[in-house]
All heavy atoms as atom14 arrays in JSON, in Angstrom:
{
  "sequence": "RHVLYLKDKARTLELMKKHAAIMGPKFRSVADTLDKEIAPLDIAS",
  "atom14_mask": [
    [1, 1, 1, 1, 1, 1, 1, 1, 1, 1, 1, 0, 0, 0],
    [1, 1, 1, 1, 1, 1, 1, 1, 1, 1, 0, 0, 0, 0],
    [1, 1, 1, 1, 1, 1, 1, 0, 0, 0, 0, 0, 0, 0],
    [1, 1, 1, 1, 1, 1, 1, 1, 0, 0, 0, 0, 0, 0],
    [1, 1, 1, 1, 1, 1, 1, 1, 1, 1, 1, 1, 0, 0],
    [1, 1, 1, 1, 1, 1, 1, 1, 0, 0, 0, 0, 0, 0],
    [1, 1, 1, 1, 1, 1, 1, 1, 1, 0, 0, 0, 0, 0],
    [1, 1, 1, 1, 1, 1, 1, 1, 0, 0, 0, 0, 0, 0],
    [1, 1, 1, 1, 1, 1, 1, 1, 1, 0, 0, 0, 0, 0],
    [1, 1, 1, 1, 1, 0, 0, 0, 0, 0, 0, 0, 0, 0],
    [1, 1, 1, 1, 1, 1, 1, 1, 1, 1, 1, 0, 0, 0],
    [1, 1, 1, 1, 1, 1, 1, 0, 0, 0, 0, 0, 0, 0],
    [1, 1, 1, 1, 1, 1, 1, 1, 0, 0, 0, 0, 0, 0],
    [1, 1, 1, 1, 1, 1, 1, 1, 1, 0, 0, 0, 0, 0],
    [1, 1, 1, 1, 1, 1, 1, 1, 0, 0, 0, 0, 0, 0],
    [1, 1, 1, 1, 1, 1, 1, 1, 0, 0, 0, 0, 0, 0],
    [1, 1, 1, 1, 1, 1, 1, 1, 1, 0, 0, 0, 0, 0],
    [1, 1, 1, 1, 1, 1, 1, 1, 1, 0, 0, 0, 0, 0],
    [1, 1, 1, 1, 1, 1, 1, 1, 1, 1, 0, 0, 0, 0],
    [1, 1, 1, 1, 1, 0, 0, 0, 0, 0, 0, 0, 0, 0],
    [1, 1, 1, 1, 1, 0, 0, 0, 0, 0, 0, 0, 0, 0],
    [1, 1, 1, 1, 1, 1, 1, 1, 0, 0, 0, 0, 0, 0],
    [1, 1, 1, 1, 1, 1, 1, 1, 0, 0, 0, 0, 0, 0],
    [1, 1, 1, 1, 0, 0, 0, 0, 0, 0, 0, 0, 0, 0],
    [1, 1, 1, 1, 1, 1, 1, 0, 0, 0, 0, 0, 0, 0],
    [1, 1, 1, 1, 1, 1, 1, 1, 1, 0, 0, 0, 0, 0],
    [1, 1, 1, 1, 1, 1, 1, 1, 1, 1, 1, 0, 0, 0],
    [1, 1, 1, 1, 1, 1, 1, 1, 1, 1, 1, 0, 0, 0],
    [1, 1, 1, 1, 1, 1, 0, 0, 0, 0, 0, 0, 0, 0],
    [1, 1, 1, 1, 1, 1, 1, 0, 0, 0, 0, 0, 0, 0],
    [1, 1, 1, 1, 1, 0, 0, 0, 0, 0, 0, 0, 0, 0],
    [1, 1, 1, 1, 1, 1, 1, 1, 0, 0, 0, 0, 0, 0],
    [1, 1, 1, 1, 1, 1, 1, 0, 0, 0, 0, 0, 0, 0],
    [1, 1, 1, 1, 1, 1, 1, 1, 0, 0, 0, 0, 0, 0],
    [1, 1, 1, 1, 1, 1, 1, 1, 0, 0, 0, 0, 0, 0],
    [1, 1, 1, 1, 1, 1, 1, 1, 1, 0, 0, 0, 0, 0],
    [1, 1, 1, 1, 1, 1, 1, 1, 1, 0, 0, 0, 0, 0],
    [1, 1, 1, 1, 1, 1, 1, 1, 0, 0, 0, 0, 0, 0],
    [1, 1, 1, 1, 1, 0, 0, 0, 0, 0, 0, 0, 0, 0],
    [1, 1, 1, 1, 1, 1, 1, 0, 0, 0, 0, 0, 0, 0],
    [1, 1, 1, 1, 1, 1, 1, 1, 0, 0, 0, 0, 0, 0],
    [1, 1, 1, 1, 1, 1, 1, 1, 0, 0, 0, 0, 0, 0],
    [1, 1, 1, 1, 1, 1, 1, 1, 0, 0, 0, 0, 0, 0],
    [1, 1, 1, 1, 1, 0, 0, 0, 0, 0, 0, 0, 0, 0],
    [1, 1, 1, 1, 1, 1, 0, 0, 0, 0, 0, 0, 0, 0]
  ],
  "atom14_positions": [
    [[8.11, 22.98, 8.86], [9.52, 23.06, 8.46], [9.7, 24.11, 7.35], [10.65, 24.9, 7.36], [9.99, 21.68, 7.98], [11.46, 21.64, 7.57], [11.83, 20.26, 7.03], [11.74, 19.24, 8.05], [10.94, 18.19, 8.02], [10.1, 18.04, 6.99], [10.93, 17.3, 8.97], [0.0, 0.0, 0.0], [0.0, 0.0, 0.0], [0.0, 0.0, 0.0]],
    [[8.78, 24.11, 6.4], [8.88, 25.06, 5.29], [8.55, 26.49, 5.72], [9.15, 27.45, 5.21], [7.98, 24.62, 4.14], [8.62, 23.56, 3.29], [8.72, 22.24, 3.69], [9.21, 23.63, 2.07], [9.33, 21.56, 2.76], [9.65, 22.37, 1.76], [0.0, 0.0, 0.0], [0.0, 0.0, 0.0], [0.0, 0.0, 0.0], [0.0, 0.0, 0.0]],
    [[7.63, 26.63, 6.65], [7.34, 27.97, 7.18], [8.58, 28.54, 7.87], [8.94, 29.71, 7.65], [6.15, 27.91, 8.17], [6.03, 29.21, 8.96], [4.86, 27.62, 7.44], [0.0, 0.0, 0.0], [0.0, 0.0, 0.0], [0.0, 0.0, 0.0], [0.0, 0.0, 0.0], [0.0, 0.0, 0.0], [0.0, 0.0, 0.0], [0.0, 0.0, 0.0]],
    [[9.25, 27.74, 8.67], [10.46, 28.19, 9.36], [11.59, 28.49, 8.39], [12.39, 29.41, 8.61], [10.91, 27.14, 10.39], [9.96, 26.88, 11.56], [10.46, 25.7, 12.4], [9.81, 28.12, 12.42], [0.0, 0.0, 0.0], [0.0, 0.0, 0.0], [0.0, 0.0, 0.0], [0.0, 0.0, 0.0], [0.0, 0.0, 0.0], [0.0, 0.0, 0.0]],
    [[11.66, 27.71, 7.3], [12.76, 27.85, 6.35], [12.55, 29.01, 5.38], [13.44, 29.83, 5.16], [12.92, 26.54, 5.58], [14.18, 26.47, 4.74], [15.43, 26.37, 5.36], [14.13, 26.48, 3.35], [16.58, 26.29, 4.6], [15.27, 26.39, 2.59], [16.51, 26.31, 3.22], [17.65, 26.23, 2.47], [0.0, 0.0, 0.0], [0.0, 0.0, 0.0]],
    [[11.36, 29.08, 4.78], [11.09, 30.09, 3.75], [10.64, 31.42, 4.35], [10.88, 32.48, 3.75], [10.04, 29.57, 2.77], [10.46, 28.36, 1.94], [9.29, 27.89, 1.07], [11.68, 28.66, 1.09], [0.0, 0.0, 0.0], [0.0, 0.0, 0.0], [0.0, 0.0, 0.0], [0.0, 0.0, 0.0], [0.0, 0.0, 0.0], [0.0, 0.0, 0.0]],
    [[9.95, 31.38, 5.47], [9.5, 32.56, 6.22], [8.44, 33.37, 5.49], [7.32, 33.55, 5.95], [10.67, 33.45, 6.61], [11.65, 32.81, 7.58], [12.75, 33.78, 7.98], [13.63, 33.2, 9.07], [14.34, 31.97, 8.65], [0.0, 0.0, 0.0], [0.0, 0.0, 0.0], [0.0, 0.0, 0.0], [0.0, 0.0, 0.0], [0.0, 0.0, 0.0]],
    [[8.79, 33.92, 4.31], [7.85, 34.78, 3.58], [8.3, 34.89, 2.12], [9.28, 34.25, 1.71], [7.77, 36.17, 4.22], [9.14, 36.84, 4.39], [10.07, 36.52, 3.61], [9.29, 37.66, 5.31], [0.0, 0.0, 0.0], [0.0, 0.0, 0.0], [0.0, 0.0, 0.0], [0.0, 0.0, 0.0], [0.0, 0.0, 0.0], [0.0, 0.0, 0.0]],
    [[7.58, 35.67, 1.34], [7.89, 35.81, -0.08], [9.27, 36.41, -0.29], [10.01, 35.97, -1.19], [6.82, 36.67, -0.76], [7.01, 36.8, -2.26], [5.85, 37.56, -2.88], [6.0, 37.67, -4.4], [4.83, 38.36, -5.01], [0.0, 0.0, 0.0], [0.0, 0.0, 0.0], [0.0, 0.0, 0.0], [0.0, 0.0, 0.0], [0.0, 0.0, 0.0]],
    [[9.64, 37.41, 0.49], [10.94, 38.07, 0.32], [12.08, 37.08, 0.51], [13.02, 37.04, -0.3], [11.08, 39.23, 1.31], [0.0, 0.0, 0.0], [0.0, 0.0, 0.0], [0.0, 0.0, 0.0], [0.0, 0.0, 0.0], [0.0, 0.0, 0.0], [0.0, 0.0, 0.0], [0.0, 0.0, 0.0], [0.0, 0.0, 0.0], [0.0, 0.0, 0.0]],
    [[12.0, 36.26, 1.55], [13.03, 35.25, 1.8], [13.03, 34.2, 0.68], [14.08, 33.75, 0.23], [12.78, 34.61, 3.17], [13.32, 33.21, 3.35], [14.83, 33.12, 3.36], [15.23, 31.71, 3.47], [16.45, 31.26, 3.27], [17.41, 32.09, 2.96], [16.72, 29.97, 3.39], [0.0, 0.0, 0.0], [0.0, 0.0, 0.0], [0.0, 0.0, 0.0]],
    [[11.84, 33.85, 0.22], [11.73, 32.87, -0.87], [12.4, 33.39, -2.13], [13.12, 32.65, -2.82], [10.25, 32.53, -1.14], [9.66, 32.03, 0.06], [10.12, 31.48, -2.23], [0.0, 0.0, 0.0], [0.0, 0.0, 0.0], [0.0, 0.0, 0.0], [0.0, 0.0, 0.0], [0.0, 0.0, 0.0], [0.0, 0.0, 0.0], [0.0, 0.0, 0.0]],
    [[12.2, 34.66, -2.46], [12.81, 35.24, -3.65], [14.34, 35.31, -3.51], [15.06, 35.15, -4.5], [12.24, 36.63, -3.92], [10.77, 36.66, -4.38], [10.29, 38.09, -4.53], [10.61, 35.9, -5.69], [0.0, 0.0, 0.0], [0.0, 0.0, 0.0], [0.0, 0.0, 0.0], [0.0, 0.0, 0.0], [0.0, 0.0, 0.0], [0.0, 0.0, 0.0]],
    [[14.83, 35.53, -2.29], [16.28, 35.5, -2.07], [16.84, 34.11, -2.38], [17.89, 33.97, -3.01], [16.59, 35.87, -0.62], [16.39, 37.34, -0.28], [16.64, 37.63, 1.19], [17.17, 36.73, 1.9], [16.3, 38.73, 1.65], [0.0, 0.0, 0.0], [0.0, 0.0, 0.0], [0.0, 0.0, 0.0], [0.0, 0.0, 0.0], [0.0, 0.0, 0.0]],
    [[16.12, 33.09, -1.93], [16.54, 31.72, -2.21], [16.52, 31.43, -3.71], [17.42, 30.78, -4.25], [15.64, 30.73, -1.46], [15.86, 29.24, -1.73], [17.27, 28.82, -1.37], [14.83, 28.4, -0.98], [0.0, 0.0, 0.0], [0.0, 0.0, 0.0], [0.0, 0.0, 0.0], [0.0, 0.0, 0.0], [0.0, 0.0, 0.0], [0.0, 0.0, 0.0]],
    [[15.49, 31.94, -4.4], [15.37, 31.67, -5.83], [16.5, 32.33, -6.63], [16.86, 31.85, -7.71], [14.01, 32.14, -6.33], [12.83, 31.36, -5.76], [13.03, 29.55, -5.8], [13.0, 29.25, -7.58], [0.0, 0.0, 0.0], [0.0, 0.0, 0.0], [0.0, 0.0, 0.0], [0.0, 0.0, 0.0], [0.0, 0.0, 0.0], [0.0, 0.0, 0.0]],
    [[17.08, 33.41, -6.12], [18.24, 34.0, -6.78], [19.44, 33.04, -6.73], [20.24, 32.98, -7.68], [18.6, 35.33, -6.13], [17.62, 36.45, -6.41], [18.04, 37.75, -5.74], [17.04, 38.86, -6.01], [17.42, 40.13, -5.31], [0.0, 0.0, 0.0], [0.0, 0.0, 0.0], [0.0, 0.0, 0.0], [0.0, 0.0, 0.0], [0.0, 0.0, 0.0]],
    [[19.54, 32.29, -5.65], [20.62, 31.29, -5.55], [20.36, 30.14, -6.52], [21.3, 29.62, -7.13], [20.71, 30.78, -4.11], [21.1, 31.86, -3.11], [21.11, 31.32, -1.68], [21.45, 32.42, -0.69], [21.43, 31.93, 0.72], [0.0, 0.0, 0.0], [0.0, 0.0, 0.0], [0.0, 0.0, 0.0], [0.0, 0.0, 0.0], [0.0, 0.0, 0.0]],
    [[19.1, 29.74, -6.65], [18.77, 28.74, -7.67], [19.11, 29.28, -9.06], [19.62, 28.54, -9.91], [17.28, 28.4, -7.61], [16.9, 27.43, -6.54], [17.26, 26.11, -6.57], [16.18, 27.59, -5.4], [16.78, 25.48, -5.51], [16.12, 26.37, -4.77], [0.0, 0.0, 0.0], [0.0, 0.0, 0.0], [0.0, 0.0, 0.0], [0.0, 0.0, 0.0]],
    [[18.81, 30.54, -9.31], [19.04, 31.14, -10.62], [20.52, 31.13, -10.98], [20.88, 30.94, -12.16], [18.5, 32.57, -10.65], [0.0, 0.0, 0.0], [0.0, 0.0, 0.0], [0.0, 0.0, 0.0], [0.0, 0.0, 0.0], [0.0, 0.0, 0.0], [0.0, 0.0, 0.0], [0.0, 0.0, 0.0], [0.0, 0.0, 0.0], [0.0, 0.0, 0.0]],
    [[21.39, 31.31, -9.98], [22.82, 31.3, -10.25], [23.3, 29.94, -10.73], [24.32, 29.82, -11.42], [23.58, 31.7, -8.98], [0.0, 0.0, 0.0], [0.0, 0.0, 0.0], [0.0, 0.0, 0.0], [0.0, 0.0, 0.0], [0.0, 0.0, 0.0], [0.0, 0.0, 0.0], [0.0, 0.0, 0.0], [0.0, 0.0, 0.0], [0.0, 0.0, 0.0]],
    [[22.55, 28.89, -10.37], [22.86, 27.53, -10.82], [22.19, 27.24, -12.15], [22.78, 26.67, -13.07], [22.41, 26.5, -9.76], [23.15, 26.73, -8.44], [22.61, 25.08, -10.26], [22.58, 25.95, -7.26], [0.0, 0.0, 0.0], [0.0, 0.0, 0.0], [0.0, 0.0, 0.0], [0.0, 0.0, 0.0], [0.0, 0.0, 0.0], [0.0, 0.0, 0.0]],
    [[20.93, 27.65, -12.29], [20.15, 27.35, -13.49], [20.55, 28.19, -14.69], [20.58, 27.71, -15.83], [18.67, 27.56, -13.19], [18.06, 26.54, -12.25], [17.64, 25.01, -13.09], [16.14, 25.54, -13.94], [0.0, 0.0, 0.0], [0.0, 0.0, 0.0], [0.0, 0.0, 0.0], [0.0, 0.0, 0.0], [0.0, 0.0, 0.0], [0.0, 0.0, 0.0]],
    [[20.83, 29.46, -14.47], [21.1, 30.38, -15.57], [22.18, 29.89, -16.52], [21.96, 29.87, -17.75], [0.0, 0.0, 0.0], [0.0, 0.0, 0.0], [0.0, 0.0, 0.0], [0.0, 0.0, 0.0], [0.0, 0.0, 0.0], [0.0, 0.0, 0.0], [0.0, 0.0, 0.0], [0.0, 0.0, 0.0], [0.0, 0.0, 0.0], [0.0, 0.0, 0.0]],
    [[23.36, 29.49, -16.03], [24.41, 29.02, -16.93], [23.99, 27.8, -17.77], [24.43, 27.64, -18.9], [25.55, 28.66, -15.97], [25.32, 29.53, -14.78], [23.83, 29.61, -14.63], [0.0, 0.0, 0.0], [0.0, 0.0, 0.0], [0.0, 0.0, 0.0], [0.0, 0.0, 0.0], [0.0, 0.0, 0.0], [0.0, 0.0, 0.0], [0.0, 0.0, 0.0]],
    [[23.14, 26.95, -17.21], [22.69, 25.76, -17.95], [21.81, 26.17, -19.13], [21.99, 25.68, -20.26], [21.93, 24.82, -17.02], [22.78, 24.24, -15.9], [22.01, 23.25, -15.05], [22.9, 22.67, -13.95], [22.23, 21.62, -13.16], [0.0, 0.0, 0.0], [0.0, 0.0, 0.0], [0.0, 0.0, 0.0], [0.0, 0.0, 0.0], [0.0, 0.0, 0.0]],
    [[20.87, 27.07, -18.89], [20.0, 27.5, -19.98], [20.76, 28.32, -21.02], [20.48, 28.21, -22.22], [18.81, 28.28, -19.41], [17.69, 27.4, -18.96], [17.76, 26.75, -17.73], [16.58, 27.17, -19.76], [16.73, 25.92, -17.3], [15.55, 26.33, -19.35], [15.63, 25.72, -18.12], [0.0, 0.0, 0.0], [0.0, 0.0, 0.0], [0.0, 0.0, 0.0]],
    [[21.7, 29.12, -20.57], [22.51, 29.88, -21.53], [23.35, 28.94, -22.38], [23.55, 29.18, -23.58], [23.38, 30.9, -20.8], [22.59, 32.1, -20.28], [23.51, 33.21, -19.79], [24.17, 32.87, -18.54], [23.64, 33.05, -17.33], [22.41, 33.55, -17.21], [24.31, 32.73, -16.24], [0.0, 0.0, 0.0], [0.0, 0.0, 0.0], [0.0, 0.0, 0.0]],
    [[23.84, 27.87, -21.77], [24.62, 26.89, -22.52], [23.79, 26.26, -23.63], [24.25, 26.11, -24.77], [25.14, 25.8, -21.57], [25.78, 24.76, -22.29], [0.0, 0.0, 0.0], [0.0, 0.0, 0.0], [0.0, 0.0, 0.0], [0.0, 0.0, 0.0], [0.0, 0.0, 0.0], [0.0, 0.0, 0.0], [0.0, 0.0, 0.0], [0.0, 0.0, 0.0]],
    [[22.53, 25.9, -23.31], [21.64, 25.32, -24.31], [21.38, 26.31, -25.43], [21.52, 26.0, -26.62], [20.31, 24.89, -23.66], [19.27, 24.54, -24.73], [20.53, 23.7, -22.75], [0.0, 0.0, 0.0], [0.0, 0.0, 0.0], [0.0, 0.0, 0.0], [0.0, 0.0, 0.0], [0.0, 0.0, 0.0], [0.0, 0.0, 0.0], [0.0, 0.0, 0.0]],
    [[20.99, 27.52, -25.06], [20.64, 28.53, -26.07], [21.83, 28.9, -26.94], [21.71, 29.03, -28.16], [20.08, 29.77, -25.39], [0.0, 0.0, 0.0], [0.0, 0.0, 0.0], [0.0, 0.0, 0.0], [0.0, 0.0, 0.0], [0.0, 0.0, 0.0], [0.0, 0.0, 0.0], [0.0, 0.0, 0.0], [0.0, 0.0, 0.0], [0.0, 0.0, 0.0]],
    [[23.0, 29.05, -26.31], [24.2, 29.42, -27.07], [24.6, 28.32, -28.05], [25.01, 28.59, -29.18], [25.37, 29.71, -26.12], [25.16, 31.0, -25.32], [24.25, 31.78, -25.68], [25.9, 31.21, -24.33], [0.0, 0.0, 0.0], [0.0, 0.0, 0.0], [0.0, 0.0, 0.0], [0.0, 0.0, 0.0], [0.0, 0.0, 0.0], [0.0, 0.0, 0.0]],
    [[24.47, 27.07, -27.62], [24.79, 25.94, -28.49], [23.85, 25.9, -29.69], [24.28, 25.71, -30.83], [24.73, 24.61, -27.73], [25.65, 24.65, -26.64], [25.07, 23.44, -28.64], [0.0, 0.0, 0.0], [0.0, 0.0, 0.0], [0.0, 0.0, 0.0], [0.0, 0.0, 0.0], [0.0, 0.0, 0.0], [0.0, 0.0, 0.0], [0.0, 0.0, 0.0]],
    [[22.57, 26.08, -29.44], [21.59, 26.08, -30.54], [21.83, 27.25, -31.49], [21.72, 27.1, -32.71], [20.17, 26.13, -29.98], [19.71, 24.91, -29.18], [18.32, 25.17, -28.59], [19.7, 23.66, -30.04], [0.0, 0.0, 0.0], [0.0, 0.0, 0.0], [0.0, 0.0, 0.0], [0.0, 0.0, 0.0], [0.0, 0.0, 0.0], [0.0, 0.0, 0.0]],
    [[22.14, 28.41, -30.92], [22.42, 29.57, -31.77], [23.62, 29.32, -32.68], [23.63, 29.72, -33.85], [22.7, 30.81, -30.9], [21.45, 31.37, -30.25], [20.33, 30.99, -30.67], [21.58, 32.19, -29.32], [0.0, 0.0, 0.0], [0.0, 0.0, 0.0], [0.0, 0.0, 0.0], [0.0, 0.0, 0.0], [0.0, 0.0, 0.0], [0.0, 0.0, 0.0]],
    [[24.61, 28.65, -32.15], [25.83, 28.41, -32.92], [25.66, 27.26, -33.92], [26.04, 27.4, -35.09], [26.98, 28.09, -31.96], [28.3, 27.77, -32.67], [29.38, 27.39, -31.65], [30.67, 26.99, -32.37], [31.73, 26.57, -31.39], [0.0, 0.0, 0.0], [0.0, 0.0, 0.0], [0.0, 0.0, 0.0], [0.0, 0.0, 0.0], [0.0, 0.0, 0.0]],
    [[25.08, 26.15, -33.46], [25.07, 24.94, -34.27], [23.85, 24.8, -35.19], [23.96, 24.21, -36.27], [25.14, 23.71, -33.35], [26.41, 23.59, -32.56], [27.62, 23.29, -33.45], [27.43, 22.64, -34.5], [28.73, 23.71, -33.09], [0.0, 0.0, 0.0], [0.0, 0.0, 0.0], [0.0, 0.0, 0.0], [0.0, 0.0, 0.0], [0.0, 0.0, 0.0]],
    [[22.71, 25.31, -34.77], [21.46, 25.06, -35.5], [20.92, 26.29, -36.23], [20.42, 26.18, -37.35], [20.39, 24.51, -34.54], [20.89, 23.23, -33.84], [19.09, 24.21, -35.29], [21.22, 22.09, -34.76], [0.0, 0.0, 0.0], [0.0, 0.0, 0.0], [0.0, 0.0, 0.0], [0.0, 0.0, 0.0], [0.0, 0.0, 0.0], [0.0, 0.0, 0.0]],
    [[21.04, 27.45, -35.6], [20.44, 28.66, -36.19], [20.87, 28.93, -37.63], [20.02, 29.23, -38.48], [20.73, 29.87, -35.3], [0.0, 0.0, 0.0], [0.0, 0.0, 0.0], [0.0, 0.0, 0.0], [0.0, 0.0, 0.0], [0.0, 0.0, 0.0], [0.0, 0.0, 0.0], [0.0, 0.0, 0.0], [0.0, 0.0, 0.0], [0.0, 0.0, 0.0]],
    [[22.15, 28.81, -37.98], [22.55, 29.11, -39.36], [21.95, 28.16, -40.4], [21.93, 28.49, -41.6], [24.08, 28.99, -39.33], [24.46, 29.11, -37.89], [23.33, 28.49, -37.13], [0.0, 0.0, 0.0], [0.0, 0.0, 0.0], [0.0, 0.0, 0.0], [0.0, 0.0, 0.0], [0.0, 0.0, 0.0], [0.0, 0.0, 0.0], [0.0, 0.0, 0.0]],
    [[21.47, 27.01, -39.96], [21.01, 25.98, -40.9], [19.54, 26.14, -41.27], [19.06, 25.48, -42.2], [21.24, 24.59, -40.3], [22.66, 24.32, -39.79], [22.74, 22.91, -39.2], [23.68, 24.51, -40.9], [0.0, 0.0, 0.0], [0.0, 0.0, 0.0], [0.0, 0.0, 0.0], [0.0, 0.0, 0.0], [0.0, 0.0, 0.0], [0.0, 0.0, 0.0]],
    [[18.82, 26.97, -40.53], [17.41, 27.25, -40.82], [16.57, 25.96, -40.85], [15.76, 25.75, -41.75], [17.28, 28.01, -42.15], [15.94, 28.7, -42.29], [15.29, 28.94, -41.25], [15.52, 28.98, -43.43], [0.0, 0.0, 0.0], [0.0, 0.0, 0.0], [0.0, 0.0, 0.0], [0.0, 0.0, 0.0], [0.0, 0.0, 0.0], [0.0, 0.0, 0.0]],
    [[16.78, 25.13, -39.82], [16.04, 23.85, -39.76], [15.22, 23.71, -38.48], [14.61, 22.66, -38.26], [17.0, 22.64, -39.88], [18.08, 22.7, -38.8], [17.6, 22.58, -41.28], [18.97, 21.46, -38.75], [0.0, 0.0, 0.0], [0.0, 0.0, 0.0], [0.0, 0.0, 0.0], [0.0, 0.0, 0.0], [0.0, 0.0, 0.0], [0.0, 0.0, 0.0]],
    [[15.19, 24.74, -37.65], [14.46, 24.64, -36.38], [14.25, 26.03, -35.79], [14.87, 27.01, -36.23], [15.25, 23.77, -35.38], [0.0, 0.0, 0.0], [0.0, 0.0, 0.0], [0.0, 0.0, 0.0], [0.0, 0.0, 0.0], [0.0, 0.0, 0.0], [0.0, 0.0, 0.0], [0.0, 0.0, 0.0], [0.0, 0.0, 0.0], [0.0, 0.0, 0.0]],
    [[13.39, 26.08, -34.78], [13.18, 27.32, -34.03], [13.03, 26.98, -32.56], [12.71, 25.85, -32.2], [11.93, 28.05, -34.54], [10.77, 27.27, -34.33], [0.0, 0.0, 0.0], [0.0, 0.0, 0.0], [0.0, 0.0, 0.0], [0.0, 0.0, 0.0], [0.0, 0.0, 0.0], [0.0, 0.0, 0.0], [0.0, 0.0, 0.0], [0.0, 0.0, 0.0]]
  ]
}
């Protein structure tokens, strides 16, 4: 089933770009929040 679906590395990387479109905003949200709320306080890295 996975051979038929993923086919090869090129097709797999195309699929991962679709995952990235979902994941990217989540990670940016975390980083942006920490940059805004925690970074000025010098209490974490």
